[in-house]
Structures are given as structure tokens and as C-alpha cells.
């Protein structure tokens, strides 16, 4: 189980060290959230704590992979 949420004190030097770091972050004892538990309340709380910066953005997000990028360009 990870002892800290902070990044390592030094960057991994190799691919293997990076993979070992990320796999070392997994808490195998923690239960996975049920589909009903995946709500946006935490994200809304975070955004509110940051002053809701997304409300000041004048953007449209076009998502997908079937030509929407070239259509909206």
C-alpha cells in the first residue's frame, strides 16, 4: 500500500523503474467503486473550491473519433 501520494523524490531513470513506481501505487485491498458510486459530486466540489474556472471558459468540446475534428475546424 502506498505510504504517500507525493511523487518520488527523484525521477525514475528507466522504464522498469517507472513501471515499478506506478504499480507500487496500487492498493490491492481497496474495493473498486460500484457503478452507482461514480458520481460527479467530488469533481463539482473540487471545481467549486477552485472558483469554478470552467464557467469562465468560452469553448465547445467536440469529442469522438469519427471526423468531428475536421468537421468542427
N, C-alpha and C. Protein backbone atom coordinates (compact mmCIF):
# COMPACT_ATOMS: atom_id res chain seq x y z
N UNK A 1 0.85 -1.18 0.00
CA UNK A 1 0.00 0.00 0.00
C UNK A 1 0.89 1.24 0.00
N UNK A 2 0.59 2.25 -0.83
CA UNK A 2 1.43 3.44 -0.88
C UNK A 2 1.45 4.16 0.46
N UNK A 3 2.61 4.69 0.78
CA UNK A 3 2.72 5.44 2.03
C UNK A 3 2.52 6.93 1.81
N UNK A 4 2.53 7.38 0.57
CA UNK A 4 2.42 8.80 0.29
C UNK A 4 1.78 9.01 -1.07
N UNK A 5 1.12 10.13 -1.23
CA UNK A 5 0.56 10.47 -2.54
C UNK A 5 1.51 11.37 -3.31
N UNK A 6 2.65 11.68 -2.73
CA UNK A 6 3.63 12.55 -3.39
C UNK A 6 4.42 11.77 -4.43
N UNK A 7 4.91 12.45 -5.46
CA UNK A 7 5.74 11.77 -6.45
C UNK A 7 7.07 11.37 -5.83
N UNK A 8 7.82 10.49 -6.49
CA UNK A 8 9.11 10.09 -5.94
C UNK A 8 10.05 11.29 -5.84
N UNK A 9 11.01 11.19 -4.93
CA UNK A 9 11.95 12.30 -4.73
C UNK A 9 12.82 12.53 -5.95
N UNK A 10 13.10 11.47 -6.69
CA UNK A 10 13.85 11.62 -7.94
C UNK A 10 13.08 10.88 -9.03
N UNK A 11 13.22 11.35 -10.24
CA UNK A 11 12.52 10.73 -11.35
C UNK A 11 13.10 9.35 -11.63
N UNK A 12 12.24 8.39 -12.02
CA UNK A 12 12.76 7.07 -12.39
C UNK A 12 13.73 7.22 -13.56
N UNK A 13 14.80 6.45 -13.52
CA UNK A 13 15.80 6.54 -14.57
C UNK A 13 15.50 5.63 -15.75
N UNK A 14 14.74 4.58 -15.50
CA UNK A 14 14.46 3.62 -16.56
C UNK A 14 12.97 3.37 -16.66
N UNK A 15 12.59 2.75 -17.75
CA UNK A 15 11.20 2.35 -17.95
C UNK A 15 10.77 1.41 -16.83
N UNK A 16 11.62 0.45 -16.49
CA UNK A 16 11.30 -0.52 -15.45
C UNK A 16 11.07 0.17 -14.10
N UNK A 17 11.88 1.18 -13.78
CA UNK A 17 11.69 1.92 -12.53
C UNK A 17 10.37 2.69 -12.54
N UNK A 18 10.03 3.25 -13.68
CA UNK A 18 8.76 3.98 -13.78
C UNK A 18 7.58 3.04 -13.60
N UNK A 19 7.63 1.88 -14.25
CA UNK A 19 6.55 0.90 -14.11
C UNK A 19 6.47 0.41 -12.67
N UNK A 20 7.60 0.14 -12.05
CA UNK A 20 7.60 -0.31 -10.66
C UNK A 20 6.99 0.75 -9.75
N UNK A 21 7.28 2.02 -10.01
CA UNK A 21 6.69 3.10 -9.21
C UNK A 21 5.18 3.10 -9.35
N UNK A 22 4.66 3.06 -10.59
CA UNK A 22 3.21 3.12 -10.80
C UNK A 22 2.51 1.90 -10.24
N UNK A 23 3.08 0.70 -10.44
CA UNK A 23 2.45 -0.49 -9.88
C UNK A 23 2.55 -0.48 -8.35
N UNK A 24 3.52 0.21 -7.81
CA UNK A 24 3.63 0.34 -6.36
C UNK A 24 2.57 1.25 -5.76
N UNK A 25 1.88 2.01 -6.60
CA UNK A 25 0.83 2.91 -6.12
C UNK A 25 -0.51 2.21 -5.97
N UNK A 26 -0.65 1.00 -6.49
CA UNK A 26 -1.93 0.29 -6.48
C UNK A 26 -2.21 -0.24 -5.09
N UNK A 27 -3.40 0.02 -4.60
CA UNK A 27 -3.85 -0.52 -3.33
C UNK A 27 -4.77 -1.69 -3.65
N UNK A 28 -4.23 -2.90 -3.59
CA UNK A 28 -5.00 -4.08 -3.96
C UNK A 28 -6.09 -4.41 -2.95
N UNK A 29 -6.02 -3.85 -1.76
CA UNK A 29 -7.02 -4.12 -0.73
C UNK A 29 -8.23 -3.20 -0.84
N UNK A 30 -8.10 -2.11 -1.56
CA UNK A 30 -9.20 -1.17 -1.71
C UNK A 30 -10.23 -1.74 -2.66
N UNK A 31 -11.48 -1.63 -2.28
CA UNK A 31 -12.55 -2.13 -3.14
C UNK A 31 -12.79 -1.17 -4.29
N UNK A 32 -13.10 -1.73 -5.44
CA UNK A 32 -13.42 -0.90 -6.60
C UNK A 32 -14.78 -0.25 -6.40
N UNK A 33 -14.94 0.97 -6.88
CA UNK A 33 -16.25 1.62 -6.75
C UNK A 33 -17.29 0.89 -7.59
N UNK A 34 -18.48 0.83 -7.08
CA UNK A 34 -19.59 0.27 -7.86
C UNK A 34 -20.04 1.32 -8.86
N UNK A 35 -20.65 0.92 -9.96
CA UNK A 35 -21.09 1.91 -10.95
C UNK A 35 -21.95 3.02 -10.35
N UNK A 36 -22.76 2.71 -9.36
CA UNK A 36 -23.60 3.73 -8.73
C UNK A 36 -22.82 4.73 -7.90
N UNK A 37 -21.55 4.39 -7.55
CA UNK A 37 -20.72 5.28 -6.73
C UNK A 37 -19.95 6.30 -7.57
N UNK A 38 -19.95 6.14 -8.87
CA UNK A 38 -19.18 7.03 -9.74
C UNK A 38 -20.01 8.26 -10.08
N UNK A 39 -20.05 9.18 -9.17
CA UNK A 39 -20.83 10.40 -9.34
C UNK A 39 -19.87 11.58 -9.51
N UNK A 40 -20.41 12.72 -9.90
CA UNK A 40 -19.59 13.90 -10.15
C UNK A 40 -19.48 14.82 -8.95
N UNK A 41 -20.01 14.41 -7.79
CA UNK A 41 -20.00 15.29 -6.62
C UNK A 41 -18.60 15.73 -6.22
N UNK A 42 -17.64 14.81 -6.24
CA UNK A 42 -16.27 15.17 -5.85
C UNK A 42 -15.67 16.17 -6.83
N UNK A 43 -15.90 15.96 -8.12
CA UNK A 43 -15.36 16.88 -9.13
C UNK A 43 -16.02 18.25 -9.01
N UNK A 44 -17.33 18.27 -8.77
CA UNK A 44 -18.01 19.55 -8.59
C UNK A 44 -17.47 20.28 -7.36
N UNK A 45 -17.19 19.54 -6.29
CA UNK A 45 -16.60 20.14 -5.09
C UNK A 45 -15.22 20.72 -5.37
N UNK A 46 -14.42 19.98 -6.13
CA UNK A 46 -13.09 20.47 -6.49
C UNK A 46 -13.19 21.73 -7.33
N UNK A 47 -14.06 21.72 -8.33
CA UNK A 47 -14.23 22.90 -9.18
C UNK A 47 -14.73 24.09 -8.38
N UNK A 48 -15.65 23.85 -7.44
CA UNK A 48 -16.14 24.94 -6.60
C UNK A 48 -15.01 25.50 -5.75
N UNK A 49 -14.16 24.63 -5.22
CA UNK A 49 -13.02 25.07 -4.42
C UNK A 49 -12.03 25.89 -5.21
N UNK A 50 -11.98 25.65 -6.51
CA UNK A 50 -11.08 26.41 -7.39
C UNK A 50 -11.74 27.65 -7.96
N UNK A 51 -12.98 27.91 -7.54
CA UNK A 51 -13.68 29.10 -8.03
C UNK A 51 -14.41 28.86 -9.35
N UNK A 52 -14.70 27.62 -9.67
CA UNK A 52 -15.41 27.25 -10.91
C UNK A 52 -14.79 27.90 -12.16
N UNK A 53 -13.50 27.64 -12.40
CA UNK A 53 -12.84 28.29 -13.54
C UNK A 53 -13.44 27.90 -14.89
N UNK A 54 -14.06 26.74 -14.97
CA UNK A 54 -14.63 26.28 -16.23
C UNK A 54 -15.79 27.17 -16.69
N UNK A 55 -16.42 27.87 -15.78
CA UNK A 55 -17.54 28.73 -16.15
C UNK A 55 -17.08 29.99 -16.90
N UNK A 56 -15.80 30.32 -16.81
CA UNK A 56 -15.27 31.50 -17.50
C UNK A 56 -14.69 31.16 -18.88
N UNK A 57 -14.61 29.88 -19.20
CA UNK A 57 -14.06 29.47 -20.49
C UNK A 57 -15.12 29.56 -21.57
N UNK A 58 -14.72 30.09 -22.71
CA UNK A 58 -15.63 30.19 -23.84
C UNK A 58 -15.19 29.17 -24.89
N UNK A 59 -15.55 27.92 -24.64
CA UNK A 59 -15.12 26.83 -25.52
C UNK A 59 -16.28 25.88 -25.78
N UNK A 60 -16.13 25.10 -26.82
CA UNK A 60 -17.01 23.98 -27.10
C UNK A 60 -16.12 22.76 -27.23
N UNK A 61 -16.40 21.71 -26.48
CA UNK A 61 -15.61 20.49 -26.52
C UNK A 61 -16.31 19.51 -27.46
N UNK A 62 -15.65 19.20 -28.57
CA UNK A 62 -16.18 18.23 -29.54
C UNK A 62 -15.38 16.95 -29.36
N UNK A 63 -16.01 15.90 -28.85
CA UNK A 63 -15.30 14.66 -28.55
C UNK A 63 -15.69 13.58 -29.55
N UNK A 64 -14.80 12.64 -29.72
CA UNK A 64 -15.08 11.49 -30.57
C UNK A 64 -13.96 11.23 -31.56
N UNK A 65 -14.15 10.21 -32.36
CA UNK A 65 -13.08 9.82 -33.30
C UNK A 65 -13.63 9.50 -34.69
N UNK A 66 -14.73 10.10 -35.07
CA UNK A 66 -15.33 9.81 -36.38
C UNK A 66 -15.43 11.07 -37.24
N UNK A 67 -14.36 11.86 -37.31
CA UNK A 67 -14.34 13.01 -38.20
C UNK A 67 -14.82 14.31 -37.59
N UNK A 68 -15.12 14.32 -36.30
CA UNK A 68 -15.63 15.54 -35.68
C UNK A 68 -14.59 16.65 -35.67
N UNK A 69 -13.32 16.29 -35.54
CA UNK A 69 -12.27 17.30 -35.51
C UNK A 69 -12.19 18.07 -36.80
N UNK A 70 -12.22 17.38 -37.93
CA UNK A 70 -12.15 18.09 -39.21
C UNK A 70 -13.46 18.82 -39.50
N UNK A 71 -14.57 18.31 -39.00
CA UNK A 71 -15.86 18.97 -39.21
C UNK A 71 -15.94 20.27 -38.44
N UNK A 72 -15.39 20.29 -37.23
CA UNK A 72 -15.50 21.48 -36.38
C UNK A 72 -14.38 22.48 -36.59
N UNK A 73 -13.36 22.14 -37.37
CA UNK A 73 -12.20 23.02 -37.55
C UNK A 73 -12.52 24.26 -38.32
